[in-house]
Amino acid sequence: MNKILLSLHVLAALVTVGPVTVAASMFPAVLRRTPGDQDARTTLRTLHRICRVYAGIGIAVPLLGLATASSLGVLGDAWLIVSILLTAAAAGVLGLLILPAQECALAETPGSDSRTRLLWEPGRLAMVTGLFNLLWAAVTVLMIVRPGSTTGV
């Protein structure tokens, strides 16, 4: 059962977190070329939708991870607790910074009805997206290295 849970956890991470990291990373570059470019605006909407939908589905990753950790008996291990904290931080960056900034940028691009001020410049959004990606990279390394783990999985 452990191997099945671990396989589902890894597959969920690949299928959900991967598209979010790629789409979120592409968004600032496309945002830079948006003025007057309707194709770029369409691309921005698509990238934002990928981020939003896969972020919602991505809730399966920590749920499957907790189920796996519970079945392996490692819920109290330091590497797992750090991974959980980093995952929560990544989720916070995505949900509280990246997605709202993307929505604001979409509302502000030419051809939109909104008159709101663009709160995030593309460079700042790229920086925050890079932080999100680094958090996930750190979680991935911890999941592979598992310092102090003796589970042998």
C-alpha atoms as a PDB file:
ATOM      1  CA  MET A   1       0.000   0.000   0.000  1.00  0.00           C
ATOM      2  CA  ASN A   2       2.916   2.359   0.761  1.00  0.00           C
ATOM      3  CA  LYS A   3       4.239   2.097  -2.780  1.00  0.00           C
ATOM      4  CA  ILE A   4       0.811   2.798  -4.251  1.00  0.00           C
ATOM      5  CA  LEU A   5       0.334   5.890  -2.086  1.00  0.00           C
ATOM      6  CA  LEU A   6       3.837   7.111  -2.851  1.00  0.00           C
ATOM      7  CA  SER A   7       3.303   6.555  -6.583  1.00  0.00           C
ATOM      8  CA  LEU A   8       0.019   8.476  -6.498  1.00  0.00           C
ATOM      9  CA  HIS A   9       1.648  11.288  -4.524  1.00  0.00           C
ATOM     10  CA  VAL A  10       4.523  11.619  -7.020  1.00  0.00           C
ATOM     11  CA  LEU A  11       2.191  11.390 -10.026  1.00  0.00           C
ATOM     12  CA  ALA A  12      -0.113  14.034  -8.566  1.00  0.00           C
ATOM     13  CA  ALA A  13       2.879  16.309  -7.982  1.00  0.00           C
ATOM     14  CA  LEU A  14       4.123  15.863 -11.542  1.00  0.00           C
ATOM     15  CA  VAL A  15       0.728  16.325 -13.148  1.00  0.00           C
ATOM     16  CA  THR A  16      -0.397  19.319 -11.080  1.00  0.00           C
ATOM     17  CA  VAL A  17       2.607  21.241  -9.781  1.00  0.00           C
ATOM     18  CA  GLY A  18       4.564  20.957 -13.028  1.00  0.00           C
ATOM     19  CA  PRO A  19       2.011  22.784 -15.196  1.00  0.00           C
ATOM     20  CA  VAL A  20       1.550  25.503 -12.565  1.00  0.00           C
ATOM     21  CA  THR A  21       5.277  26.193 -12.344  1.00  0.00           C
ATOM     22  CA  VAL A  22       5.647  26.351 -16.124  1.00  0.00           C
ATOM     23  CA  ALA A  23       2.524  28.465 -16.749  1.00  0.00           C
ATOM     24  CA  ALA A  24       3.289  30.829 -13.862  1.00  0.00           C
ATOM     25  CA  SER A  25       6.854  31.234 -15.118  1.00  0.00           C
ATOM     26  CA  MET A  26       5.688  32.043 -18.649  1.00  0.00           C
ATOM     27  CA  PHE A  27       3.100  34.607 -17.527  1.00  0.00           C
ATOM     28  CA  PRO A  28       5.463  37.562 -16.787  1.00  0.00           C
ATOM     29  CA  ALA A  29       7.274  37.210 -20.117  1.00  0.00           C
ATOM     30  CA  VAL A  30       4.014  37.224 -22.030  1.00  0.00           C
ATOM     31  CA  LEU A  31       2.765  40.127 -19.888  1.00  0.00           C
ATOM     32  CA  ARG A  32       5.729  42.227 -21.029  1.00  0.00           C
ATOM     33  CA  ARG A  33       4.603  42.010 -24.666  1.00  0.00           C
ATOM     34  CA  THR A  34       0.878  42.487 -23.964  1.00  0.00           C
ATOM     35  CA  PRO A  35       0.285  46.134 -24.953  1.00  0.00           C
ATOM     36  CA  GLY A  36      -1.634  46.080 -28.215  1.00  0.00           C
ATOM     37  CA  ASP A  37      -1.196  42.325 -28.716  1.00  0.00           C
ATOM     38  CA  GLN A  38      -4.495  40.435 -28.599  1.00  0.00           C
ATOM     39  CA  ASP A  39      -2.731  37.080 -29.034  1.00  0.00           C
ATOM     40  CA  ALA A  40      -0.662  37.779 -25.923  1.00  0.00           C
ATOM     41  CA  ARG A  41      -3.827  38.604 -23.988  1.00  0.00           C
ATOM     42  CA  THR A  42      -5.360  35.296 -25.030  1.00  0.00           C
ATOM     43  CA  THR A  43      -2.174  33.529 -23.956  1.00  0.00           C
ATOM     44  CA  LEU A  44      -2.263  35.320 -20.586  1.00  0.00           C
ATOM     45  CA  ARG A  45      -5.834  34.147 -19.997  1.00  0.00           C
ATOM     46  CA  THR A  46      -4.845  30.586 -20.859  1.00  0.00           C
ATOM     47  CA  LEU A  47      -1.772  30.634 -18.592  1.00  0.00           C
ATOM     48  CA  HIS A  48      -3.799  32.057 -15.715  1.00  0.00           C
ATOM     49  CA  ARG A  49      -6.482  29.434 -16.184  1.00  0.00           C
ATOM     50  CA  ILE A  50      -3.855  26.673 -16.122  1.00  0.00           C
ATOM     51  CA  CYS A  51      -2.435  28.092 -12.890  1.00  0.00           C
ATOM     52  CA  ARG A  52      -5.851  28.434 -11.266  1.00  0.00           C
ATOM     53  CA  VAL A  53      -7.256  25.036 -12.284  1.00  0.00           C
ATOM     54  CA  TYR A  54      -4.134  22.997 -11.580  1.00  0.00           C
ATOM     55  CA  ALA A  55      -3.624  24.790  -8.262  1.00  0.00           C
ATOM     56  CA  GLY A  56      -7.076  23.592  -7.224  1.00  0.00           C
ATOM     57  CA  ILE A  57      -6.408  20.044  -8.351  1.00  0.00           C
ATOM     58  CA  GLY A  58      -2.962  20.259  -6.711  1.00  0.00           C
ATOM     59  CA  ILE A  59      -4.567  19.981  -3.286  1.00  0.00           C
ATOM     60  CA  ALA A  60      -4.320  16.239  -3.916  1.00  0.00           C
ATOM     61  CA  VAL A  61      -0.510  16.424  -3.609  1.00  0.00           C
ATOM     62  CA  PRO A  62      -0.293  17.285   0.108  1.00  0.00           C
ATOM     63  CA  LEU A  63      -3.287  15.071   0.906  1.00  0.00           C
ATOM     64  CA  LEU A  64      -1.647  12.065  -0.745  1.00  0.00           C
ATOM     65  CA  GLY A  65       1.654  13.074   0.843  1.00  0.00           C
ATOM     66  CA  LEU A  66       0.130  13.077   4.323  1.00  0.00           C
ATOM     67  CA  ALA A  67      -1.497   9.704   3.663  1.00  0.00           C
ATOM     68  CA  THR A  68       1.836   8.319   2.483  1.00  0.00           C
ATOM     69  CA  ALA A  69       3.726   9.769   5.457  1.00  0.00           C
ATOM     70  CA  SER A  70       1.139   8.375   7.840  1.00  0.00           C
ATOM     71  CA  SER A  71       1.369   4.898   6.354  1.00  0.00           C
ATOM     72  CA  LEU A  72       5.174   5.052   6.537  1.00  0.00           C
ATOM     73  CA  GLY A  73       5.091   6.333  10.116  1.00  0.00           C
ATOM     74  CA  VAL A  74       7.208   9.424   9.381  1.00  0.00           C
ATOM     75  CA  LEU A  75       4.747  12.192  10.279  1.00  0.00           C
ATOM     76  CA  GLY A  76       7.025  13.440  13.070  1.00  0.00           C
ATOM     77  CA  ASP A  77      10.260  13.446  11.073  1.00  0.00           C
ATOM     78  CA  ALA A  78      11.963  16.820  10.739  1.00  0.00           C
ATOM     79  CA  TRP A  79      12.413  16.566   6.954  1.00  0.00           C
ATOM     80  CA  LEU A  80       8.690  16.002   6.523  1.00  0.00           C
ATOM     81  CA  ILE A  81       7.702  18.851   8.828  1.00  0.00           C
ATOM     82  CA  VAL A  82      10.017  21.204   6.911  1.00  0.00           C
ATOM     83  CA  SER A  83       8.516  19.930   3.643  1.00  0.00           C
ATOM     84  CA  ILE A  84       5.009  20.608   4.928  1.00  0.00           C
ATOM     85  CA  LEU A  85       5.989  24.149   5.943  1.00  0.00           C
ATOM     86  CA  LEU A  86       7.627  24.807   2.566  1.00  0.00           C
ATOM     87  CA  THR A  87       4.575  23.407   0.781  1.00  0.00           C
ATOM     88  CA  ALA A  88       2.315  25.689   2.810  1.00  0.00           C
ATOM     89  CA  ALA A  89       4.573  28.639   1.957  1.00  0.00           C
ATOM     90  CA  ALA A  90       4.454  27.757  -1.754  1.00  0.00           C
ATOM     91  CA  ALA A  91       0.674  27.473  -1.615  1.00  0.00           C
ATOM     92  CA  GLY A  92       0.494  30.843   0.115  1.00  0.00           C
ATOM     93  CA  VAL A  93       2.724  32.496  -2.488  1.00  0.00           C
ATOM     94  CA  LEU A  94       0.597  31.040  -5.271  1.00  0.00           C
ATOM     95  CA  GLY A  95      -2.793  31.736  -3.740  1.00  0.00           C
ATOM     96  CA  LEU A  96      -2.080  35.095  -2.120  1.00  0.00           C
ATOM     97  CA  LEU A  97       0.420  36.663  -4.510  1.00  0.00           C
ATOM     98  CA  ILE A  98       0.727  35.036  -7.935  1.00  0.00           C
ATOM     99  CA  LEU A  99      -2.908  34.296  -8.797  1.00  0.00           C
ATOM    100  CA  PRO A 100      -4.219  37.703  -7.622  1.00  0.00           C
ATOM    101  CA  ALA A 101      -1.385  39.468  -9.489  1.00  0.00           C
ATOM    102  CA  GLN A 102      -2.257  37.546 -12.650  1.00  0.00           C
ATOM    103  CA  GLU A 103      -5.924  38.474 -12.258  1.00  0.00           C
ATOM    104  CA  CYS A 104      -4.979  42.122 -11.767  1.00  0.00           C
ATOM    105  CA  ALA A 105      -2.753  42.030 -14.844  1.00  0.00           C
ATOM    106  CA  LEU A 106      -5.552  40.503 -16.909  1.00  0.00           C
ATOM    107  CA  ALA A 107      -7.963  43.169 -15.725  1.00  0.00           C
ATOM    108  CA  GLU A 108      -5.458  45.877 -16.687  1.00  0.00           C
ATOM    109  CA  THR A 109      -4.376  44.719 -20.139  1.00  0.00           C
ATOM    110  CA  PRO A 110      -5.618  46.665 -23.161  1.00  0.00           C
ATOM    111  CA  GLY A 111      -9.087  45.687 -24.279  1.00  0.00           C
ATOM    112  CA  SER A 112     -10.278  45.011 -20.752  1.00  0.00           C
ATOM    113  CA  ASP A 113     -13.074  46.936 -19.073  1.00  0.00           C
ATOM    114  CA  SER A 114     -11.289  47.438 -15.755  1.00  0.00           C
ATOM    115  CA  ARG A 115      -9.647  50.719 -14.766  1.00  0.00           C
ATOM    116  CA  THR A 116      -7.737  49.240 -11.813  1.00  0.00           C
ATOM    117  CA  ARG A 117      -4.069  50.093 -11.413  1.00  0.00           C
ATOM    118  CA  LEU A 118      -1.567  47.353 -12.231  1.00  0.00           C
ATOM    119  CA  LEU A 119      -0.176  46.417  -8.819  1.00  0.00           C
ATOM    120  CA  TRP A 120       2.562  44.097 -10.038  1.00  0.00           C
ATOM    121  CA  GLU A 121       5.115  44.861 -12.698  1.00  0.00           C
ATOM    122  CA  PRO A 122       6.166  41.838 -14.787  1.00  0.00           C
ATOM    123  CA  GLY A 123       9.626  41.797 -13.169  1.00  0.00           C
ATOM    124  CA  ARG A 124       8.211  41.627  -9.656  1.00  0.00           C
ATOM    125  CA  LEU A 125       5.742  38.930 -10.666  1.00  0.00           C
ATOM    126  CA  ALA A 126       8.624  36.965 -12.210  1.00  0.00           C
ATOM    127  CA  MET A 127      10.570  37.274  -8.946  1.00  0.00           C
ATOM    128  CA  VAL A 128       7.665  35.993  -6.844  1.00  0.00           C
ATOM    129  CA  THR A 129       7.088  33.175  -9.322  1.00  0.00           C
ATOM    130  CA  GLY A 130      10.769  32.272  -9.031  1.00  0.00           C
ATOM    131  CA  LEU A 131      10.371  32.118  -5.248  1.00  0.00           C
ATOM    132  CA  PHE A 132       7.387  29.791  -5.706  1.00  0.00           C
ATOM    133  CA  ASN A 133       9.472  27.558  -7.965  1.00  0.00           C
ATOM    134  CA  LEU A 134      12.392  27.538  -5.505  1.00  0.00           C
ATOM    135  CA  LEU A 135      10.067  26.486  -2.685  1.00  0.00           C
ATOM    136  CA  TRP A 136       8.866  23.544  -4.759  1.00  0.00           C
ATOM    137  CA  ALA A 137      12.432  22.653  -5.706  1.00  0.00           C
ATOM    138  CA  ALA A 138      13.375  22.590  -2.008  1.00  0.00           C
ATOM    139  CA  VAL A 139      10.389  20.349  -1.235  1.00  0.00           C
ATOM    140  CA  THR A 140      11.394  18.015  -4.063  1.00  0.00           C
ATOM    141  CA  VAL A 141      14.956  17.757  -2.775  1.00  0.00           C
ATOM    142  CA  LEU A 142      13.714  17.033   0.752  1.00  0.00           C
ATOM    143  CA  MET A 143      11.380  14.342  -0.573  1.00  0.00           C
ATOM    144  CA  ILE A 144      14.274  12.653  -2.359  1.00  0.00           C
ATOM    145  CA  VAL A 145      17.059  13.089   0.192  1.00  0.00           C
ATOM    146  CA  ARG A 146      14.898  12.666   3.345  1.00  0.00           C
ATOM    147  CA  PRO A 147      17.668  13.472   5.839  1.00  0.00           C
ATOM    148  CA  GLY A 148      17.562  11.071   8.768  1.00  0.00           C
ATOM    149  CA  SER A 149      14.915   8.827   7.192  1.00  0.00           C
ATOM    150  CA  THR A 150      15.233   5.096   7.699  1.00  0.00           C
ATOM    151  CA  THR A 151      12.115   3.999   5.770  1.00  0.00           C
ATOM    152  CA  GLY A 152      14.061   2.574   2.835  1.00  0.00           C
ATOM    153  CA  VAL A 153      11.316   3.507   0.363  1.00  0.00           C
END
